[in-house]
Amino acid sequence: MSRRCELTGKGPMTGHKVSHAQNKTKRRFLPNLQEVTLASETLGRTFRLRISNHALRSVDHRGGLDAYLAKARDEDLSPAALAIKKEIAKAQTAAA
């Protein structure tokens, strides 16, 4: 399973662990990924996604999964999230 957020594309970063004596050794900074279930109001379904805590806060701030995906860039989304975005857009155009 990839350590990459499905909504933001946030992945592992590298850096140094620095001791008190300023010795530097390589380390990885992993994103805080959570397995969450998000509901789509337009589709009336729920989706299980593995997203970062930062992305979860952004989804809440924008008013839900539908609003978040409407503003999200396609290149940041995973293939599963991109399919959800297209499905939501198709349902919204059919309803209008």
Protein backbone atom coordinates (compact mmCIF):
# COMPACT_ATOMS: atom_id res chain seq x y z
CA MET A 1 0.00 0.00 0.00
CA SER A 2 1.41 3.34 -1.05
CA ARG A 3 2.17 6.00 1.58
CA ARG A 4 0.50 8.71 -0.47
CA CYS A 5 -2.62 10.75 0.27
CA GLU A 6 -5.36 10.03 -2.27
CA LEU A 7 -6.68 13.61 -2.27
CA THR A 8 -3.63 15.85 -1.94
CA GLY A 9 -0.86 13.62 -3.29
CA LYS A 10 1.21 14.25 -0.16
CA GLY A 11 3.90 11.57 0.21
CA PRO A 12 7.05 10.77 2.19
CA MET A 13 9.78 13.39 2.46
CA THR A 14 13.45 12.92 3.36
CA GLY A 15 15.64 14.86 5.71
CA HIS A 16 18.12 14.52 8.53
CA LYS A 17 17.80 13.33 12.09
CA VAL A 18 20.08 15.69 14.01
CA SER A 19 21.55 14.63 17.34
CA HIS A 20 22.63 16.96 20.14
CA ALA A 21 26.18 16.71 18.80
CA GLN A 22 24.88 17.81 15.36
CA ASN A 23 25.48 14.36 13.80
CA LYS A 24 23.18 14.06 10.78
CA THR A 25 21.69 10.77 9.59
CA LYS A 26 19.12 10.25 6.86
CA ARG A 27 15.49 9.74 7.85
CA ARG A 28 12.01 9.81 6.29
CA PHE A 29 9.10 12.02 7.26
CA LEU A 30 5.91 10.04 6.57
CA PRO A 31 2.52 11.74 6.12
CA ASN A 32 -0.14 11.15 8.78
CA LEU A 33 -2.43 8.89 6.72
CA GLN A 34 -5.82 7.73 8.00
CA GLU A 35 -8.33 5.29 6.51
CA VAL A 36 -11.61 7.25 6.50
CA THR A 37 -15.08 6.86 5.08
CA LEU A 38 -16.37 10.00 3.35
CA ALA A 39 -19.93 10.48 2.12
CA SER A 40 -20.96 12.13 -1.13
CA GLU A 41 -24.21 14.11 -0.90
CA THR A 42 -24.68 14.12 -4.68
CA LEU A 43 -24.27 10.36 -5.15
CA GLY A 44 -25.72 9.29 -1.80
CA ARG A 45 -22.84 6.83 -1.27
CA THR A 46 -19.82 6.49 0.96
CA PHE A 47 -16.23 5.98 -0.14
CA ARG A 48 -13.25 4.59 1.79
CA LEU A 49 -10.13 6.66 1.16
CA ARG A 50 -6.65 6.74 2.68
CA ILE A 51 -6.00 10.44 3.19
CA SER A 52 -3.77 12.64 5.33
CA ASN A 53 -5.06 14.40 8.41
CA HIS A 54 -4.45 17.73 6.66
CA ALA A 55 -6.66 16.66 3.75
CA LEU A 56 -9.40 15.56 6.16
CA ARG A 57 -9.40 19.01 7.75
CA SER A 58 -9.53 20.60 4.26
CA VAL A 59 -12.52 18.45 3.29
CA ASP A 60 -14.36 19.59 6.43
CA HIS A 61 -13.40 23.21 5.81
CA ARG A 62 -14.67 23.22 2.21
CA GLY A 63 -17.99 21.65 3.17
CA GLY A 64 -17.68 17.98 2.27
CA LEU A 65 -16.23 15.62 -0.28
CA ASP A 66 -18.20 16.99 -3.24
CA ALA A 67 -17.05 20.58 -2.69
CA TYR A 68 -13.45 19.51 -2.09
CA LEU A 69 -13.23 17.42 -5.27
CA ALA A 70 -14.84 20.19 -7.33
CA LYS A 71 -11.91 22.51 -6.52
CA ALA A 72 -9.14 19.87 -6.45
CA ARG A 73 -6.59 19.66 -9.28
CA ASP A 74 -6.77 16.44 -11.29
CA GLU A 75 -3.01 15.79 -11.16
CA ASP A 76 -3.05 15.71 -7.32
CA LEU A 77 -5.83 13.12 -7.09
CA SER A 78 -5.34 9.35 -7.14
CA PRO A 79 -7.07 7.36 -9.91
CA ALA A 80 -9.79 6.27 -7.47
CA ALA A 81 -10.44 9.85 -6.30
CA LEU A 82 -10.42 11.09 -9.91
CA ALA A 83 -13.08 8.51 -10.80
CA ILE A 84 -15.21 9.72 -7.86
CA LYS A 85 -14.77 13.33 -9.02
CA LYS A 86 -15.90 12.51 -12.56
CA GLU A 87 -18.86 10.49 -11.26
CA ILE A 88 -19.97 13.42 -9.07
CA ALA A 89 -19.62 15.90 -11.95
CA LYS A 90 -21.65 13.62 -14.23
CA ALA A 91 -24.41 13.30 -11.62
CA GLN A 92 -24.51 17.09 -11.06
CA THR A 93 -24.84 17.83 -14.78
CA ALA A 94 -27.59 15.23 -15.11
CA ALA A 95 -29.47 16.78 -12.20
CA ALA A 96 -29.20 20.31 -13.63
